[in-house]
């Protein structure tokens, strides 16, 4: 991991990000999602991992809570080229992104994923329990940067681009 640098995406990274996401998922749906989030202005944060080229990417998109005022984002997708997996790149992207979200004043970040993986980054099902999303269930977790009372019960609307995923 020492030869990999995590940084915010640059406009010139868009094509490389698309290629990384499509190769990581073995299809173009998630790459289309990232492109649409970027096009619609819904990317709150987009980070790349760069070795000699872009080898990883993570997107944080704006959530729109109904109810109490809360700044919140969704982590999705996180992608690493197959030949660069198991080197801590995804973890570095996630940790850097969460730190940037907290520093920017986000109240929480939601993720839909495997609990054994994401709990090590501070995500929990308990932190997401009072929130309602189209993705409610055992894989919805939140990393909260404010007390639970400040998050309250809210319905979280994802960016419209998520509706195109199958």
N, C-alpha and C. Protein backbone atom coordinates (compact mmCIF):
# COMPACT_ATOMS: atom_id res chain seq x y z
N UNK A 1 0.83 -1.20 0.00
CA UNK A 1 0.00 0.00 0.00
C UNK A 1 0.87 1.25 0.00
N UNK A 2 2.13 1.15 0.41
CA UNK A 2 2.98 2.34 0.52
C UNK A 2 3.22 3.01 -0.83
N UNK A 3 3.08 2.30 -1.91
CA UNK A 3 3.28 2.89 -3.23
C UNK A 3 1.99 3.45 -3.82
N UNK A 4 0.92 3.48 -3.03
CA UNK A 4 -0.38 3.97 -3.48
C UNK A 4 -0.73 5.25 -2.73
N UNK A 5 -1.19 6.26 -3.48
CA UNK A 5 -1.59 7.54 -2.92
C UNK A 5 -3.10 7.69 -3.09
N UNK A 6 -3.79 8.10 -2.03
CA UNK A 6 -5.22 8.39 -2.11
C UNK A 6 -5.38 9.90 -2.20
N UNK A 7 -6.19 10.34 -3.16
CA UNK A 7 -6.43 11.76 -3.37
C UNK A 7 -7.81 11.97 -3.98
N UNK A 8 -8.32 13.21 -3.91
CA UNK A 8 -9.59 13.50 -4.59
C UNK A 8 -9.45 13.32 -6.09
N UNK A 9 -10.54 12.92 -6.72
CA UNK A 9 -10.49 12.77 -8.17
C UNK A 9 -10.28 14.12 -8.84
N UNK A 10 -9.64 14.08 -9.98
CA UNK A 10 -9.47 15.24 -10.85
C UNK A 10 -10.38 15.06 -12.06
N UNK A 11 -10.76 16.14 -12.74
CA UNK A 11 -11.59 15.97 -13.94
C UNK A 11 -10.97 15.00 -14.95
N UNK A 12 -9.66 14.99 -15.04
CA UNK A 12 -8.99 14.10 -16.00
C UNK A 12 -9.04 12.63 -15.58
N UNK A 13 -9.49 12.32 -14.37
CA UNK A 13 -9.57 10.93 -13.89
C UNK A 13 -10.85 10.21 -14.31
N UNK A 14 -11.82 10.91 -14.86
CA UNK A 14 -13.14 10.31 -15.11
C UNK A 14 -13.06 9.03 -15.94
N UNK A 15 -12.31 9.02 -17.00
CA UNK A 15 -12.21 7.83 -17.84
C UNK A 15 -11.56 6.67 -17.12
N UNK A 16 -10.49 6.94 -16.36
CA UNK A 16 -9.81 5.90 -15.61
C UNK A 16 -10.71 5.35 -14.51
N UNK A 17 -11.46 6.24 -13.86
CA UNK A 17 -12.40 5.79 -12.82
C UNK A 17 -13.43 4.86 -13.43
N UNK A 18 -13.98 5.25 -14.55
CA UNK A 18 -14.98 4.41 -15.22
C UNK A 18 -14.40 3.02 -15.51
N UNK A 19 -13.18 2.97 -16.02
CA UNK A 19 -12.55 1.69 -16.35
C UNK A 19 -12.32 0.85 -15.09
N UNK A 20 -11.86 1.46 -14.01
CA UNK A 20 -11.61 0.74 -12.76
C UNK A 20 -12.91 0.17 -12.21
N UNK A 21 -13.95 0.99 -12.15
CA UNK A 21 -15.22 0.54 -11.57
C UNK A 21 -15.82 -0.59 -12.42
N UNK A 22 -15.79 -0.43 -13.74
CA UNK A 22 -16.35 -1.48 -14.61
C UNK A 22 -15.57 -2.78 -14.47
N UNK A 23 -14.24 -2.70 -14.43
CA UNK A 23 -13.45 -3.93 -14.29
C UNK A 23 -13.63 -4.56 -12.91
N UNK A 24 -13.70 -3.73 -11.88
CA UNK A 24 -13.86 -4.25 -10.52
C UNK A 24 -15.16 -5.01 -10.36
N UNK A 25 -16.23 -4.53 -11.00
CA UNK A 25 -17.54 -5.17 -10.86
C UNK A 25 -17.85 -6.14 -11.99
N UNK A 26 -17.03 -6.14 -13.03
CA UNK A 26 -17.27 -7.05 -14.15
C UNK A 26 -18.48 -6.70 -14.99
N UNK A 27 -18.92 -5.45 -14.89
CA UNK A 27 -20.06 -4.96 -15.66
C UNK A 27 -20.02 -3.43 -15.61
N UNK A 28 -20.87 -2.78 -16.38
CA UNK A 28 -20.82 -1.32 -16.44
C UNK A 28 -21.83 -0.61 -15.55
N UNK A 29 -22.74 -1.32 -14.89
CA UNK A 29 -23.80 -0.67 -14.11
C UNK A 29 -23.26 0.30 -13.06
N UNK A 30 -22.27 -0.14 -12.28
CA UNK A 30 -21.73 0.71 -11.22
C UNK A 30 -20.92 1.87 -11.81
N UNK A 31 -20.25 1.64 -12.93
CA UNK A 31 -19.53 2.72 -13.62
C UNK A 31 -20.52 3.76 -14.14
N UNK A 32 -21.65 3.28 -14.68
CA UNK A 32 -22.71 4.20 -15.12
C UNK A 32 -23.24 5.01 -13.93
N UNK A 33 -23.38 4.35 -12.78
CA UNK A 33 -23.84 5.03 -11.57
C UNK A 33 -22.90 6.18 -11.21
N UNK A 34 -21.61 5.92 -11.15
CA UNK A 34 -20.64 6.95 -10.80
C UNK A 34 -20.69 8.09 -11.81
N UNK A 35 -20.75 7.76 -13.10
CA UNK A 35 -20.84 8.80 -14.14
C UNK A 35 -22.07 9.67 -13.94
N UNK A 36 -23.19 9.02 -13.65
CA UNK A 36 -24.44 9.78 -13.48
C UNK A 36 -24.41 10.62 -12.21
N UNK A 37 -23.87 10.08 -11.11
CA UNK A 37 -23.73 10.86 -9.88
C UNK A 37 -22.89 12.11 -10.15
N UNK A 38 -21.80 11.93 -10.88
CA UNK A 38 -20.93 13.07 -11.21
C UNK A 38 -21.68 14.07 -12.08
N UNK A 39 -22.32 13.57 -13.12
CA UNK A 39 -23.07 14.44 -14.05
C UNK A 39 -24.16 15.23 -13.35
N UNK A 40 -24.86 14.58 -12.42
CA UNK A 40 -25.98 15.21 -11.71
C UNK A 40 -25.54 16.11 -10.56
N UNK A 41 -24.23 16.14 -10.27
CA UNK A 41 -23.74 16.94 -9.16
C UNK A 41 -24.00 16.32 -7.79
N UNK A 42 -24.23 15.02 -7.76
CA UNK A 42 -24.55 14.33 -6.50
C UNK A 42 -23.36 13.66 -5.82
N UNK A 43 -22.17 13.79 -6.39
CA UNK A 43 -20.99 13.25 -5.72
C UNK A 43 -20.55 14.26 -4.66
N UNK A 44 -20.67 13.87 -3.41
CA UNK A 44 -20.20 14.72 -2.33
C UNK A 44 -18.69 14.61 -2.20
N UNK A 45 -18.16 13.42 -2.52
CA UNK A 45 -16.73 13.16 -2.43
C UNK A 45 -16.40 11.98 -3.33
N UNK A 46 -15.33 12.11 -4.09
CA UNK A 46 -14.87 11.05 -4.96
C UNK A 46 -13.36 10.98 -4.84
N UNK A 47 -12.87 9.83 -4.36
CA UNK A 47 -11.44 9.65 -4.14
C UNK A 47 -10.90 8.55 -5.03
N UNK A 48 -9.64 8.70 -5.44
CA UNK A 48 -8.97 7.68 -6.23
C UNK A 48 -7.73 7.21 -5.48
N UNK A 49 -7.36 5.97 -5.73
CA UNK A 49 -6.09 5.41 -5.27
C UNK A 49 -5.22 5.30 -6.52
N UNK A 50 -4.04 5.90 -6.43
CA UNK A 50 -3.16 5.96 -7.59
C UNK A 50 -1.84 5.29 -7.26
N UNK A 51 -1.43 4.36 -8.10
CA UNK A 51 -0.09 3.78 -8.05
C UNK A 51 0.62 4.43 -9.25
N UNK A 52 0.88 3.70 -10.28
CA UNK A 52 1.37 4.30 -11.52
C UNK A 52 0.20 4.78 -12.37
N UNK A 53 -1.00 4.43 -11.95
CA UNK A 53 -2.27 4.80 -12.60
C UNK A 53 -3.37 4.68 -11.56
N UNK A 54 -4.60 5.04 -11.92
CA UNK A 54 -5.72 4.88 -11.00
C UNK A 54 -6.02 3.39 -10.86
N UNK A 55 -5.97 2.91 -9.61
CA UNK A 55 -6.20 1.49 -9.35
C UNK A 55 -7.38 1.25 -8.42
N UNK A 56 -7.94 2.33 -7.86
CA UNK A 56 -9.08 2.19 -6.97
C UNK A 56 -9.88 3.48 -6.92
N UNK A 57 -11.12 3.36 -6.47
CA UNK A 57 -12.03 4.52 -6.41
C UNK A 57 -13.09 4.27 -5.35
N UNK A 58 -13.52 5.36 -4.71
CA UNK A 58 -14.67 5.30 -3.81
C UNK A 58 -15.51 6.56 -4.04
N UNK A 59 -16.81 6.37 -4.02
CA UNK A 59 -17.75 7.48 -4.20
C UNK A 59 -18.59 7.64 -2.94
N UNK A 60 -18.80 8.89 -2.55
CA UNK A 60 -19.71 9.25 -1.49
C UNK A 60 -20.72 10.21 -2.10
N UNK A 61 -21.98 9.83 -2.12
CA UNK A 61 -23.00 10.68 -2.76
C UNK A 61 -23.92 11.27 -1.71
N UNK A 62 -24.49 12.40 -2.06
CA UNK A 62 -25.37 13.15 -1.16
C UNK A 62 -26.67 12.39 -0.94
N UNK A 63 -27.04 12.23 0.33
CA UNK A 63 -28.36 11.73 0.71
C UNK A 63 -29.24 12.92 1.03
N UNK A 64 -30.54 12.75 0.83
CA UNK A 64 -31.49 13.83 1.12
C UNK A 64 -32.46 13.34 2.19
N UNK A 65 -32.16 13.69 3.46
CA UNK A 65 -33.06 13.23 4.52
C UNK A 65 -34.35 14.05 4.57
N UNK A 66 -35.46 13.37 4.81
CA UNK A 66 -36.72 14.05 5.11
C UNK A 66 -36.73 14.25 6.62
N UNK A 67 -37.29 15.31 7.06
CA UNK A 67 -37.36 15.52 8.51
C UNK A 67 -36.26 16.43 9.00
N UNK A 68 -35.66 16.08 10.14
CA UNK A 68 -34.68 16.98 10.74
C UNK A 68 -33.48 17.22 9.82
N UNK A 69 -32.92 18.41 9.96
CA UNK A 69 -31.77 18.75 9.13
C UNK A 69 -30.59 17.86 9.51
N UNK A 70 -30.06 17.17 8.54
CA UNK A 70 -28.93 16.28 8.75
C UNK A 70 -28.15 16.21 7.45
N UNK A 71 -26.86 16.43 7.54
CA UNK A 71 -26.00 16.22 6.37
C UNK A 71 -25.58 14.76 6.38
N UNK A 72 -25.85 14.07 5.29
CA UNK A 72 -25.56 12.65 5.23
C UNK A 72 -25.15 12.26 3.81
N UNK A 73 -24.30 11.24 3.74
CA UNK A 73 -23.85 10.72 2.45
C UNK A 73 -23.96 9.21 2.44
N UNK A 74 -23.90 8.67 1.24
CA UNK A 74 -23.89 7.22 1.05
C UNK A 74 -22.55 6.82 0.45
N UNK A 75 -21.93 5.79 0.99
CA UNK A 75 -20.70 5.24 0.44
C UNK A 75 -21.09 4.17 -0.56
N UNK A 76 -20.79 4.39 -1.82
CA UNK A 76 -21.06 3.39 -2.85
C UNK A 76 -20.79 4.00 -4.21
N UNK A 77 -20.12 3.28 -5.04
CA UNK A 77 -19.42 2.02 -4.80
C UNK A 77 -17.96 2.27 -4.40
N UNK A 78 -17.34 1.21 -3.90
CA UNK A 78 -15.89 1.20 -3.67
C UNK A 78 -15.34 0.13 -4.61
N UNK A 79 -14.29 0.50 -5.35
CA UNK A 79 -13.78 -0.38 -6.41
C UNK A 79 -12.26 -0.42 -6.39
N UNK A 80 -11.71 -1.60 -6.58
CA UNK A 80 -10.27 -1.78 -6.71
C UNK A 80 -10.04 -2.77 -7.85
N UNK A 81 -9.09 -2.46 -8.72
CA UNK A 81 -8.76 -3.38 -9.80
C UNK A 81 -8.40 -4.75 -9.23
N UNK A 82 -8.85 -5.82 -9.88
CA UNK A 82 -8.59 -7.17 -9.35
C UNK A 82 -7.12 -7.44 -9.01
N UNK A 83 -6.19 -6.99 -9.81
CA UNK A 83 -4.78 -7.25 -9.55
C UNK A 83 -4.20 -6.47 -8.38
N UNK A 84 -4.98 -5.55 -7.81
CA UNK A 84 -4.51 -4.72 -6.70
C UNK A 84 -5.29 -5.00 -5.41
N UNK A 85 -6.13 -6.00 -5.41
CA UNK A 85 -6.91 -6.32 -4.21
C UNK A 85 -6.04 -6.98 -3.14
N UNK A 86 -6.55 -6.94 -1.92
CA UNK A 86 -5.88 -7.53 -0.75
C UNK A 86 -4.57 -6.82 -0.43
N UNK A 87 -4.52 -5.53 -0.73
CA UNK A 87 -3.35 -4.72 -0.39
C UNK A 87 -3.72 -3.55 0.52
N UNK A 88 -4.99 -3.51 0.96
CA UNK A 88 -5.44 -2.44 1.84
C UNK A 88 -5.89 -1.18 1.12
N UNK A 89 -6.04 -1.26 -0.18
CA UNK A 89 -6.42 -0.07 -0.96
C UNK A 89 -7.86 0.33 -0.68
N UNK A 90 -8.78 -0.61 -0.69
CA UNK A 90 -10.18 -0.27 -0.40
C UNK A 90 -10.29 0.30 1.01
N UNK A 91 -9.60 -0.30 1.96
CA UNK A 91 -9.64 0.19 3.34
C UNK A 91 -9.10 1.62 3.42
N UNK A 92 -8.02 1.89 2.72
CA UNK A 92 -7.45 3.25 2.73
C UNK A 92 -8.42 4.25 2.12
N UNK A 93 -9.07 3.88 1.03
CA UNK A 93 -10.06 4.76 0.40
C UNK A 93 -11.22 5.04 1.35
N UNK A 94 -11.72 4.00 2.01
CA UNK A 94 -12.85 4.16 2.92
C UNK A 94 -12.45 5.01 4.12
N UNK A 95 -11.32 4.71 4.74
CA UNK A 95 -10.89 5.48 5.93
C UNK A 95 -10.67 6.95 5.59
N UNK A 96 -10.00 7.21 4.48
CA UNK A 96 -9.75 8.59 4.06
C UNK A 96 -11.07 9.29 3.79
N UNK A 97 -11.97 8.62 3.09
CA UNK A 97 -13.27 9.21 2.79
C UNK A 97 -14.09 9.51 4.03
N UNK A 98 -14.11 8.59 4.98
CA UNK A 98 -14.85 8.83 6.22
C UNK A 98 -14.26 10.00 6.99
N UNK A 99 -12.95 10.09 7.05
CA UNK A 99 -12.31 11.21 7.75
C UNK A 99 -12.66 12.53 7.08
N UNK A 100 -12.67 12.55 5.76
CA UNK A 100 -13.02 13.78 5.04
C UNK A 100 -14.49 14.14 5.24
N UNK A 101 -15.36 13.12 5.27
CA UNK A 101 -16.79 13.38 5.50
C UNK A 101 -17.01 13.96 6.89
N UNK A 102 -16.37 13.39 7.89
CA UNK A 102 -16.50 13.89 9.26
C UNK A 102 -15.98 15.32 9.35
N UNK A 103 -14.82 15.59 8.74
CA UNK A 103 -14.23 16.93 8.78
C UNK A 103 -15.10 17.95 8.05
N UNK A 104 -15.85 17.50 7.07
CA UNK A 104 -16.72 18.40 6.29
C UNK A 104 -18.06 18.65 6.97
N UNK A 105 -18.30 18.01 8.13
CA UNK A 105 -19.53 18.26 8.86
C UNK A 105 -20.68 17.32 8.54
N UNK A 106 -20.39 16.19 7.91
CA UNK A 106 -21.44 15.21 7.67
C UNK A 106 -21.89 14.63 9.00
N UNK A 107 -23.18 14.39 9.13
CA UNK A 107 -23.69 13.77 10.35
C UNK A 107 -23.51 12.28 10.37
N UNK A 108 -23.63 11.65 9.19
CA UNK A 108 -23.43 10.22 9.09
C UNK A 108 -23.19 9.82 7.64
N UNK A 109 -22.66 8.62 7.50
CA UNK A 109 -22.47 8.00 6.19
C UNK A 109 -23.18 6.65 6.24
N UNK A 110 -23.98 6.36 5.24
CA UNK A 110 -24.64 5.06 5.14
C UNK A 110 -23.91 4.18 4.14
N UNK A 111 -23.94 2.89 4.39
CA UNK A 111 -23.39 1.93 3.45
C UNK A 111 -24.29 0.70 3.44
N UNK A 112 -24.38 0.07 2.31
CA UNK A 112 -25.09 -1.19 2.16
C UNK A 112 -24.02 -2.22 1.84
N UNK A 113 -23.72 -3.09 2.79
CA UNK A 113 -22.63 -4.03 2.58
C UNK A 113 -22.54 -5.09 3.65
N UNK A 114 -21.48 -5.86 3.57
CA UNK A 114 -21.25 -6.97 4.49
C UNK A 114 -20.83 -6.45 5.86
N UNK A 115 -21.63 -6.71 6.91
CA UNK A 115 -21.27 -6.23 8.25
C UNK A 115 -19.86 -6.61 8.72
N UNK A 116 -19.39 -7.85 8.51
CA UNK A 116 -18.04 -8.16 9.00
C UNK A 116 -16.96 -7.26 8.38
N UNK A 117 -17.17 -6.80 7.17
CA UNK A 117 -16.19 -5.93 6.52
C UNK A 117 -16.33 -4.49 7.01
N UNK A 118 -17.53 -3.95 6.96
CA UNK A 118 -17.72 -2.53 7.22
C UNK A 118 -17.72 -2.14 8.70
N UNK A 119 -17.98 -3.06 9.60
CA UNK A 119 -17.95 -2.68 11.01
C UNK A 119 -16.56 -2.25 11.46
N UNK A 120 -15.53 -2.73 10.82
CA UNK A 120 -14.17 -2.32 11.22
C UNK A 120 -13.87 -0.85 10.91
N UNK A 121 -14.74 -0.22 10.13
CA UNK A 121 -14.59 1.20 9.84
C UNK A 121 -15.52 2.07 10.68
N UNK A 122 -16.22 1.44 11.63
CA UNK A 122 -17.13 2.19 12.50
C UNK A 122 -18.58 2.17 12.07
N UNK A 123 -18.91 1.41 11.05
CA UNK A 123 -20.31 1.28 10.63
C UNK A 123 -21.01 0.29 11.54
N UNK A 124 -22.29 0.54 11.80
CA UNK A 124 -23.08 -0.42 12.59
C UNK A 124 -24.53 -0.39 12.14
N UNK A 125 -25.19 -1.51 12.36
CA UNK A 125 -26.62 -1.58 12.06
C UNK A 125 -27.40 -0.74 13.07
N UNK A 126 -26.93 -0.71 14.32
CA UNK A 126 -27.61 0.08 15.35
C UNK A 126 -27.67 1.55 14.97
N UNK A 127 -26.58 2.08 14.43
CA UNK A 127 -26.56 3.50 14.06
C UNK A 127 -27.53 3.82 12.93
N UNK A 128 -27.92 2.81 12.16
CA UNK A 128 -28.84 3.01 11.04
C UNK A 128 -30.28 2.61 11.38
N UNK A 129 -30.49 2.08 12.56
CA UNK A 129 -31.79 1.50 12.91
C UNK A 129 -32.96 2.47 12.78
N UNK A 130 -32.80 3.72 13.13
CA UNK A 130 -33.91 4.68 13.09
C UNK A 130 -34.10 5.31 11.71
N UNK A 131 -33.18 5.01 10.80
CA UNK A 131 -33.26 5.61 9.46
C UNK A 131 -34.03 4.69 8.52
N UNK A 132 -34.73 5.28 7.60
CA UNK A 132 -35.48 4.52 6.60
C UNK A 132 -34.93 4.84 5.22
N UNK A 133 -34.68 3.79 4.46
CA UNK A 133 -34.17 3.94 3.10
C UNK A 133 -34.84 2.89 2.23
N UNK A 134 -34.66 2.97 0.93
CA UNK A 134 -35.16 1.89 0.07
C UNK A 134 -34.40 0.58 0.28
N UNK A 135 -33.30 0.64 1.04
CA UNK A 135 -32.43 -0.52 1.21
C UNK A 135 -32.40 -1.04 2.64
N UNK A 136 -33.44 -0.78 3.42
CA UNK A 136 -33.50 -1.25 4.80
C UNK A 136 -33.27 -2.76 4.87
N UNK A 137 -32.63 -3.17 5.92
CA UNK A 137 -32.38 -4.60 6.12
C UNK A 137 -31.06 -4.81 6.83
N UNK A 138 -30.64 -6.04 6.94
CA UNK A 138 -29.47 -6.37 7.75
C UNK A 138 -28.14 -5.87 7.19
N UNK A 139 -28.13 -5.43 5.93
CA UNK A 139 -26.88 -4.96 5.33
C UNK A 139 -26.75 -3.44 5.32
N UNK A 140 -27.77 -2.73 5.79
CA UNK A 140 -27.71 -1.28 5.86
C UNK A 140 -27.07 -0.88 7.18
N UNK A 141 -26.00 -0.10 7.10
CA UNK A 141 -25.27 0.34 8.29
C UNK A 141 -24.95 1.82 8.16
N UNK A 142 -24.65 2.43 9.29
CA UNK A 142 -24.27 3.84 9.30
C UNK A 142 -23.03 4.02 10.16
N UNK A 143 -22.22 4.98 9.77
CA UNK A 143 -21.13 5.49 10.60
C UNK A 143 -21.58 6.88 11.01
N UNK A 144 -21.81 7.09 12.29
CA UNK A 144 -22.35 8.37 12.78
C UNK A 144 -21.21 9.22 13.32
N UNK A 145 -21.23 10.50 12.96
CA UNK A 145 -20.24 11.46 13.43
C UNK A 145 -20.84 12.44 14.43
N UNK A 146 -22.14 12.29 14.70
CA UNK A 146 -22.86 13.12 15.67
C UNK A 146 -23.64 12.17 16.58
N UNK A 147 -24.09 12.63 17.74
CA UNK A 147 -24.87 11.76 18.63
C UNK A 147 -26.15 11.26 17.95
N UNK A 148 -26.60 10.09 18.35
CA UNK A 148 -27.80 9.48 17.77
C UNK A 148 -28.99 10.42 17.82
N UNK A 149 -29.11 11.20 18.88
CA UNK A 149 -30.24 12.13 19.00
C UNK A 149 -30.21 13.18 17.89
N UNK A 150 -29.03 13.55 17.43
CA UNK A 150 -28.93 14.54 16.35
C UNK A 150 -29.33 13.94 15.01
N UNK A 151 -29.18 12.62 14.88
CA UNK A 151 -29.59 11.97 13.63
C UNK A 151 -31.10 11.76 13.64
N UNK A 152 -31.63 11.31 14.76
CA UNK A 152 -33.06 11.11 14.87
C UNK A 152 -33.57 10.05 13.90
N UNK A 153 -34.88 10.07 13.71
CA UNK A 153 -35.51 9.17 12.75
C UNK A 153 -35.75 9.96 11.48
N UNK A 154 -35.23 9.47 10.40
CA UNK A 154 -35.39 10.18 9.14
C UNK A 154 -35.51 9.18 8.00
N UNK A 155 -36.18 9.61 6.96
CA UNK A 155 -36.22 8.83 5.72
C UNK A 155 -35.15 9.40 4.81
N UNK A 156 -34.22 8.57 4.40
CA UNK A 156 -33.11 9.00 3.57
C UNK A 156 -33.39 8.69 2.11
N UNK A 157 -33.39 9.72 1.30
CA UNK A 157 -33.56 9.53 -0.14
C UNK A 157 -32.18 9.54 -0.80
N UNK A 158 -31.91 8.51 -1.57
CA UNK A 158 -30.67 8.41 -2.32
C UNK A 158 -30.76 9.27 -3.58
N UNK A 159 -29.62 9.60 -4.14
CA UNK A 159 -29.58 10.35 -5.40
C UNK A 159 -30.35 9.57 -6.46
N UNK A 160 -31.01 10.27 -7.38
CA UNK A 160 -31.80 9.60 -8.42
C UNK A 160 -31.01 8.56 -9.22
N UNK A 161 -29.72 8.71 -9.35
CA UNK A 161 -28.91 7.76 -10.12
C UNK A 161 -29.01 6.34 -9.59
N UNK A 162 -29.26 6.18 -8.29
CA UNK A 162 -29.34 4.83 -7.72
C UNK A 162 -30.54 4.05 -8.25
N UNK A 163 -31.56 4.75 -8.72
CA UNK A 163 -32.75 4.07 -9.23
C UNK A 163 -32.47 3.28 -10.50
N UNK A 164 -31.36 3.57 -11.16
CA UNK A 164 -31.04 2.86 -12.40
C UNK A 164 -30.30 1.55 -12.17
N UNK A 165 -29.85 1.30 -10.92
CA UNK A 165 -29.16 0.02 -10.64
C UNK A 165 -30.14 -1.12 -10.62
N UNK A 166 -29.68 -2.26 -11.11
CA UNK A 166 -30.54 -3.46 -11.12
C UNK A 166 -30.10 -4.44 -10.08
